[in-house]
PDB file of N, CA and C in Angstrom:
ATOM      1  N   UNK A   1      -1.233  -1.911 -16.979  1.00  0.00           N
ATOM      2  CA  UNK A   1      -2.504  -1.487 -16.718  1.00  0.00           C
ATOM      3  C   UNK A   1      -2.373  -0.984 -15.070  1.00  0.00           C
ATOM      4  N   UNK A   2      -3.332  -0.287 -15.010  1.00  0.00           N
ATOM      5  CA  UNK A   2      -3.110   0.238 -13.109  1.00  0.00           C
ATOM      6  C   UNK A   2      -4.427   0.223 -13.011  1.00  0.00           C
ATOM      7  N   UNK A   3      -4.997   0.239 -11.676  1.00  0.00           N
ATOM      8  CA  UNK A   3      -6.166   0.392 -11.145  1.00  0.00           C
ATOM      9  C   UNK A   3      -6.124   1.115  -9.738  1.00  0.00           C
ATOM     10  N   UNK A   4      -6.978   2.164  -9.478  1.00  0.00           N
ATOM     11  CA  UNK A   4      -7.814   2.741  -8.802  1.00  0.00           C
ATOM     12  C   UNK A   4      -8.559   2.431  -8.088  1.00  0.00           C
ATOM     13  N   UNK A   5      -9.113   2.348  -7.053  1.00  0.00           N
ATOM     14  CA  UNK A   5     -10.390   2.452  -6.312  1.00  0.00           C
ATOM     15  C   UNK A   5     -10.630   3.195  -5.073  1.00  0.00           C
ATOM     16  N   UNK A   6     -11.822   3.972  -5.629  1.00  0.00           N
ATOM     17  CA  UNK A   6     -12.069   5.212  -4.928  1.00  0.00           C
ATOM     18  C   UNK A   6     -12.720   4.607  -3.724  1.00  0.00           C
ATOM     19  N   UNK A   7     -11.934   4.629  -2.541  1.00  0.00           N
ATOM     20  CA  UNK A   7     -12.381   4.085  -1.255  1.00  0.00           C
ATOM     21  C   UNK A   7     -13.394   4.841  -0.746  1.00  0.00           C
ATOM     22  N   UNK A   8     -13.474   6.249  -1.034  1.00  0.00           N
ATOM     23  CA  UNK A   8     -14.510   6.706  -0.344  1.00  0.00           C
ATOM     24  C   UNK A   8     -15.649   6.581  -1.070  1.00  0.00           C
ATOM     25  N   UNK A   9     -15.920   6.240  -2.327  1.00  0.00           N
ATOM     26  CA  UNK A   9     -17.208   5.945  -3.014  1.00  0.00           C
ATOM     27  C   UNK A   9     -17.886   4.502  -2.692  1.00  0.00           C
ATOM     28  N   UNK A  10     -16.527   3.317  -2.510  1.00  0.00           N
ATOM     29  CA  UNK A  10     -16.592   1.830  -2.415  1.00  0.00           C
ATOM     30  C   UNK A  10     -17.406   1.724  -1.310  1.00  0.00           C
ATOM     31  N   UNK A  11     -18.496   0.633  -1.287  1.00  0.00           N
ATOM     32  CA  UNK A  11     -19.688   0.801  -0.114  1.00  0.00           C
ATOM     33  C   UNK A  11     -19.596  -0.652   0.647  1.00  0.00           C
ATOM     34  N   UNK A  12     -18.697  -1.411  -0.097  1.00  0.00           N
ATOM     35  CA  UNK A  12     -18.171  -2.645   0.372  1.00  0.00           C
ATOM     36  C   UNK A  12     -19.159  -3.806  -0.266  1.00  0.00           C
ATOM     37  N   UNK A  13     -19.843  -3.219  -1.186  1.00  0.00           N
ATOM     38  CA  UNK A  13     -20.626  -4.459  -1.775  1.00  0.00           C
ATOM     39  C   UNK A  13     -20.041  -5.821  -2.042  1.00  0.00           C
ATOM     40  N   UNK A  14     -18.366  -5.879  -2.666  1.00  0.00           N
ATOM     41  CA  UNK A  14     -17.799  -6.914  -3.005  1.00  0.00           C
ATOM     42  C   UNK A  14     -18.065  -7.447  -4.090  1.00  0.00           C
ATOM     43  N   UNK A  15     -19.147  -6.832  -5.069  1.00  0.00           N
ATOM     44  CA  UNK A  15     -19.406  -7.538  -6.063  1.00  0.00           C
ATOM     45  C   UNK A  15     -18.572  -7.783  -7.422  1.00  0.00           C
ATOM     46  N   UNK A  16     -17.562  -7.054  -6.910  1.00  0.00           N
ATOM     47  CA  UNK A  16     -15.978  -7.123  -7.773  1.00  0.00           C
ATOM     48  C   UNK A  16     -15.165  -8.581  -7.679  1.00  0.00           C
ATOM     49  N   UNK A  17     -15.236  -8.725  -5.926  1.00  0.00           N
ATOM     50  CA  UNK A  17     -13.768  -9.351  -5.378  1.00  0.00           C
ATOM     51  C   UNK A  17     -13.999 -10.969  -5.978  1.00  0.00           C
ATOM     52  N   UNK A  18     -15.525 -11.495  -6.097  1.00  0.00           N
ATOM     53  CA  UNK A  18     -15.354 -13.035  -7.089  1.00  0.00           C
ATOM     54  C   UNK A  18     -14.770 -12.816  -8.359  1.00  0.00           C
ATOM     55  N   UNK A  19     -15.108 -11.738  -9.183  1.00  0.00           N
ATOM     56  CA  UNK A  19     -14.751 -11.600 -10.768  1.00  0.00           C
ATOM     57  C   UNK A  19     -13.614 -11.281 -10.734  1.00  0.00           C
ATOM     58  N   UNK A  20     -12.543 -10.950  -9.585  1.00  0.00           N
ATOM     59  CA  UNK A  20     -11.021 -10.919  -9.869  1.00  0.00           C
ATOM     60  C   UNK A  20     -10.407 -10.991  -8.355  1.00  0.00           C
ATOM     61  N   UNK A  21     -10.679 -12.548  -7.904  1.00  0.00           N
ATOM     62  CA  UNK A  21     -10.069 -12.263  -6.459  1.00  0.00           C
ATOM     63  C   UNK A  21      -8.340 -12.346  -6.538  1.00  0.00           C
ATOM     64  N   UNK A  22      -7.619 -12.491  -7.582  1.00  0.00           N
ATOM     65  CA  UNK A  22      -6.131 -12.350  -7.549  1.00  0.00           C
ATOM     66  C   UNK A  22      -5.996 -10.797  -7.348  1.00  0.00           C
ATOM     67  N   UNK A  23      -6.705 -10.086  -7.596  1.00  0.00           N
ATOM     68  CA  UNK A  23      -6.391  -8.685  -7.716  1.00  0.00           C
ATOM     69  C   UNK A  23      -7.216  -7.810  -6.650  1.00  0.00           C
ATOM     70  N   UNK A  24      -8.411  -8.022  -6.182  1.00  0.00           N
ATOM     71  CA  UNK A  24      -9.488  -7.421  -5.292  1.00  0.00           C
ATOM     72  C   UNK A  24      -9.897  -8.358  -4.170  1.00  0.00           C
ATOM     73  N   UNK A  25      -9.178  -8.322  -2.554  1.00  0.00           N
ATOM     74  CA  UNK A  25      -9.797  -8.969  -1.829  1.00  0.00           C
ATOM     75  C   UNK A  25     -10.501  -7.924  -0.367  1.00  0.00           C
ATOM     76  N   UNK A  26     -11.372  -8.368  -0.072  1.00  0.00           N
ATOM     77  CA  UNK A  26     -12.090  -8.149   1.036  1.00  0.00           C
ATOM     78  C   UNK A  26     -11.606  -8.425   2.513  1.00  0.00           C
ATOM     79  N   UNK A  27     -11.173  -7.292   3.044  1.00  0.00           N
ATOM     80  CA  UNK A  27     -10.485  -7.715   4.249  1.00  0.00           C
ATOM     81  C   UNK A  27     -11.837  -7.296   5.838  1.00  0.00           C
ATOM     82  N   UNK A  28     -12.036  -8.094   6.290  1.00  0.00           N
ATOM     83  CA  UNK A  28     -13.028  -7.906   7.104  1.00  0.00           C
ATOM     84  C   UNK A  28     -14.261  -8.021   6.903  1.00  0.00           C
ATOM     85  N   UNK A  29     -15.367  -6.970   6.974  1.00  0.00           N
ATOM     86  CA  UNK A  29     -16.676  -7.092   6.156  1.00  0.00           C
ATOM     87  C   UNK A  29     -16.605  -5.725   5.061  1.00  0.00           C
ATOM     88  N   UNK A  30     -15.930  -4.995   5.106  1.00  0.00           N
ATOM     89  CA  UNK A  30     -16.054  -3.903   4.493  1.00  0.00           C
ATOM     90  C   UNK A  30     -14.811  -3.200   3.471  1.00  0.00           C
ATOM     91  N   UNK A  31     -13.636  -3.733   4.170  1.00  0.00           N
ATOM     92  CA  UNK A  31     -12.629  -3.001   3.935  1.00  0.00           C
ATOM     93  C   UNK A  31     -12.151  -3.720   2.387  1.00  0.00           C
ATOM     94  N   UNK A  32     -11.947  -2.968   1.241  1.00  0.00           N
ATOM     95  CA  UNK A  32     -11.362  -3.689   0.315  1.00  0.00           C
ATOM     96  C   UNK A  32      -9.850  -3.030   0.226  1.00  0.00           C
ATOM     97  N   UNK A  33      -8.977  -4.340  -0.262  1.00  0.00           N
ATOM     98  CA  UNK A  33      -7.575  -4.307  -0.659  1.00  0.00           C
ATOM     99  C   UNK A  33      -7.563  -4.873  -1.878  1.00  0.00           C
ATOM    100  N   UNK A  34      -6.462  -3.783  -3.027  1.00  0.00           N
ATOM    101  CA  UNK A  34      -6.413  -4.568  -4.266  1.00  0.00           C
ATOM    102  C   UNK A  34      -5.157  -4.250  -4.331  1.00  0.00           C
ATOM    103  N   UNK A  35      -4.572  -4.580  -5.853  1.00  0.00           N
ATOM    104  CA  UNK A  35      -3.110  -4.502  -6.323  1.00  0.00           C
ATOM    105  C   UNK A  35      -3.205  -3.332  -7.129  1.00  0.00           C
ATOM    106  N   UNK A  36      -2.882  -2.741  -7.092  1.00  0.00           N
ATOM    107  CA  UNK A  36      -3.192  -1.283  -7.931  1.00  0.00           C
ATOM    108  C   UNK A  36      -2.101  -1.740  -9.681  1.00  0.00           C
ATOM    109  N   UNK A  37      -1.617  -2.508  -9.495  1.00  0.00           N
ATOM    110  CA  UNK A  37      -0.785  -2.887 -11.001  1.00  0.00           C
ATOM    111  C   UNK A  37      -0.766  -4.312 -11.029  1.00  0.00           C
ATOM    112  N   UNK A  38      -1.882  -4.377 -11.275  1.00  0.00           N
ATOM    113  CA  UNK A  38      -2.315  -6.141 -11.603  1.00  0.00           C
ATOM    114  C   UNK A  38      -1.493  -6.587 -12.999  1.00  0.00           C
ATOM    115  N   UNK A  39      -1.083  -8.158 -12.893  1.00  0.00           N
ATOM    116  CA  UNK A  39      -0.542  -8.219 -14.204  1.00  0.00           C
ATOM    117  C   UNK A  39      -1.587  -8.487 -15.733  1.00  0.00           C
ATOM    118  N   UNK A  40      -1.131  -7.935 -16.563  1.00  0.00           N
ATOM    119  CA  UNK A  40      -1.849  -7.982 -17.677  1.00  0.00           C
ATOM    120  C   UNK A  40      -2.621  -8.787 -17.849  1.00  0.00           C
ATOM    121  N   UNK A  41      -2.212 -10.267 -17.588  1.00  0.00           N
ATOM    122  CA  UNK A  41      -3.273 -11.652 -17.806  1.00  0.00           C
ATOM    123  C   UNK A  41      -4.799 -11.360 -16.851  1.00  0.00           C
ATOM    124  N   UNK A  42      -4.415 -10.377 -16.213  1.00  0.00           N
ATOM    125  CA  UNK A  42      -5.972 -10.018 -15.310  1.00  0.00           C
ATOM    126  C   UNK A  42      -6.571  -9.166 -16.023  1.00  0.00           C
ATOM    127  N   UNK A  43      -6.629  -8.512 -17.238  1.00  0.00           N
ATOM    128  CA  UNK A  43      -7.153  -7.108 -17.702  1.00  0.00           C
ATOM    129  C   UNK A  43      -8.605  -7.863 -17.452  1.00  0.00           C
ATOM    130  N   UNK A  44      -9.324  -8.935 -18.240  1.00  0.00           N
ATOM    131  CA  UNK A  44     -10.902  -9.456 -18.652  1.00  0.00           C
ATOM    132  C   UNK A  44     -11.248  -9.387 -16.723  1.00  0.00           C
ATOM    133  N   UNK A  45     -10.843  -9.972 -16.307  1.00  0.00           N
ATOM    134  CA  UNK A  45     -11.415 -10.206 -14.940  1.00  0.00           C
ATOM    135  C   UNK A  45     -11.254  -8.642 -14.226  1.00  0.00           C
ATOM    136  N   UNK A  46     -10.374  -7.975 -14.389  1.00  0.00           N
ATOM    137  CA  UNK A  46     -10.283  -6.784 -13.639  1.00  0.00           C
ATOM    138  C   UNK A  46     -11.560  -5.559 -14.701  1.00  0.00           C
ATOM    139  N   UNK A  47     -11.737  -5.677 -15.704  1.00  0.00           N
ATOM    140  CA  UNK A  47     -12.764  -5.022 -16.277  1.00  0.00           C
ATOM    141  C   UNK A  47     -13.817  -5.342 -15.814  1.00  0.00           C
ATOM    142  N   UNK A  48     -14.153  -6.796 -16.040  1.00  0.00           N
ATOM    143  CA  UNK A  48     -15.565  -7.176 -15.517  1.00  0.00           C
ATOM    144  C   UNK A  48     -16.121  -6.765 -14.348  1.00  0.00           C
ATOM    145  N   UNK A  49     -14.833  -7.059 -13.146  1.00  0.00           N
ATOM    146  CA  UNK A  49     -14.701  -6.302 -11.673  1.00  0.00           C
ATOM    147  C   UNK A  49     -15.371  -4.950 -11.838  1.00  0.00           C
ATOM    148  N   UNK A  50     -15.008  -3.886 -12.747  1.00  0.00           N
ATOM    149  CA  UNK A  50     -15.241  -2.626 -12.775  1.00  0.00           C
ATOM    150  C   UNK A  50     -16.678  -2.552 -13.095  1.00  0.00           C
ATOM    151  N   UNK A  51     -16.985  -3.268 -14.427  1.00  0.00           N
ATOM    152  CA  UNK A  51     -18.374  -2.811 -14.774  1.00  0.00           C
ATOM    153  C   UNK A  51     -19.580  -3.324 -13.791  1.00  0.00           C
ATOM    154  N   UNK A  52     -19.016  -4.325 -12.422  1.00  0.00           N
ATOM    155  CA  UNK A  52     -19.951  -5.013 -11.821  1.00  0.00           C
ATOM    156  C   UNK A  52     -19.996  -4.200 -10.753  1.00  0.00           C
ATOM    157  N   UNK A  53     -19.178  -3.101 -10.860  1.00  0.00           N
ATOM    158  CA  UNK A  53     -19.298  -2.174  -9.330  1.00  0.00           C
ATOM    159  C   UNK A  53     -20.304  -1.654  -9.235  1.00  0.00           C
ATOM    160  N   UNK A  54     -21.525  -1.658  -8.405  1.00  0.00           N
ATOM    161  CA  UNK A  54     -22.599  -0.796  -8.437  1.00  0.00           C
ATOM    162  C   UNK A  54     -22.381   0.848  -8.131  1.00  0.00           C
ATOM    163  N   UNK A  55     -21.059   1.300  -7.807  1.00  0.00           N
ATOM    164  CA  UNK A  55     -21.029   2.629  -7.450  1.00  0.00           C
ATOM    165  C   UNK A  55     -20.048   3.307  -8.108  1.00  0.00           C
ATOM    166  N   UNK A  56     -19.576   2.176  -8.911  1.00  0.00           N
ATOM    167  CA  UNK A  56     -18.615   2.863 -10.343  1.00  0.00           C
ATOM    168  C   UNK A  56     -17.165   3.247  -9.429  1.00  0.00           C
ATOM    169  N   UNK A  57     -16.875   2.528  -8.302  1.00  0.00           N
ATOM    170  CA  UNK A  57     -15.620   3.145  -7.653  1.00  0.00           C
ATOM    171  C   UNK A  57     -14.062   2.490  -8.232  1.00  0.00           C
ATOM    172  N   UNK A  58     -14.132   1.485  -9.097  1.00  0.00           N
ATOM    173  CA  UNK A  58     -12.753   0.833  -9.806  1.00  0.00           C
ATOM    174  C   UNK A  58     -12.641   1.822 -11.160  1.00  0.00           C
ATOM    175  N   UNK A  59     -11.600   2.158 -11.339  1.00  0.00           N
ATOM    176  CA  UNK A  59     -11.161   2.609 -12.599  1.00  0.00           C
ATOM    177  C   UNK A  59     -10.074   1.976 -12.856  1.00  0.00           C
ATOM    178  N   UNK A  60     -10.249   1.648 -14.190  1.00  0.00           N
ATOM    179  CA  UNK A  60      -9.159   0.945 -14.963  1.00  0.00           C
ATOM    180  C   UNK A  60      -8.322   1.881 -16.017  1.00  0.00           C
ATOM    181  N   UNK A  61      -6.864   2.189 -15.569  1.00  0.00           N
ATOM    182  CA  UNK A  61      -6.244   3.226 -16.607  1.00  0.00           C
ATOM    183  C   UNK A  61      -5.132   1.993 -17.510  1.00  0.00           C
ATOM    184  N   UNK A  62      -5.206   2.522 -18.595  1.00  0.00           N
ATOM    185  CA  UNK A  62      -3.908   1.352 -19.609  1.00  0.00           C
ATOM    186  C   UNK A  62      -3.009   2.365 -19.544  1.00  0.00           C
ATOM    187  N   UNK A  63      -1.892   1.680 -19.182  1.00  0.00           N
ATOM    188  CA  UNK A  63      -0.639   2.263 -19.482  1.00  0.00           C
ATOM    189  C   UNK A  63       0.257   2.003 -20.913  1.00  0.00           C
ATOM    190  N   UNK A  64      -0.064   2.723 -21.990  1.00  0.00           N
ATOM    191  CA  UNK A  64       1.063   2.608 -22.897  1.00  0.00           C
ATOM    192  C   UNK A  64       2.441   3.329 -23.437  1.00  0.00           C
ATOM    193  N   UNK A  65       3.565   3.006 -22.485  1.00  0.00           N
ATOM    194  CA  UNK A  65       4.838   3.029 -22.630  1.00  0.00           C
ATOM    195  C   UNK A  65       4.804   4.050 -24.220  1.00  0.00           C
ATOM    196  N   UNK A  66       5.429   5.646 -24.050  1.00  0.00           N
ATOM    197  CA  UNK A  66       5.940   6.295 -25.093  1.00  0.00           C
ATOM    198  C   UNK A  66       7.506   5.441 -25.956  1.00  0.00           C
ATOM    199  N   UNK A  67       7.991   5.511 -26.798  1.00  0.00           N
ATOM    200  CA  UNK A  67       9.066   5.144 -27.445  1.00  0.00           C
ATOM    201  C   UNK A  67      10.194   5.268 -26.665  1.00  0.00           C
ATOM    202  N   UNK A  68      10.478   6.762 -26.576  1.00  0.00           N
ATOM    203  CA  UNK A  68      11.419   6.853 -25.530  1.00  0.00           C
ATOM    204  C   UNK A  68      11.424   7.161 -24.121  1.00  0.00           C
ATOM    205  N   UNK A  69      10.184   6.385 -23.690  1.00  0.00           N
ATOM    206  CA  UNK A  69      10.020   6.198 -21.921  1.00  0.00           C
ATOM    207  C   UNK A  69      10.656   4.951 -21.580  1.00  0.00           C
ATOM    208  N   UNK A  70      11.717   4.973 -20.867  1.00  0.00           N
ATOM    209  CA  UNK A  70      12.588   3.815 -20.261  1.00  0.00           C
ATOM    210  C   UNK A  70      12.135   3.122 -18.943  1.00  0.00           C
ATOM    211  N   UNK A  71      10.489   3.353 -19.054  1.00  0.00           N
ATOM    212  CA  UNK A  71      10.031   2.888 -17.800  1.00  0.00           C
ATOM    213  C   UNK A  71      10.442   3.069 -16.672  1.00  0.00           C
TER     214      UNK A  71
END
């Protein structure tokens, strides 16, 4: 799983932070820091956090390796 946060779109409401605190953190009053490659165990939390974003700034991508992909 990979996440991308459009920091130009993010307005710092931080509604996502309590839903995935191991992945998303607020630095100061408005700066969002995040882990772009969270552990798969965080999937449900990350999906809930993305859904809670009022400006839909969080994009969750699922990576499915091809059979011949060495990663």
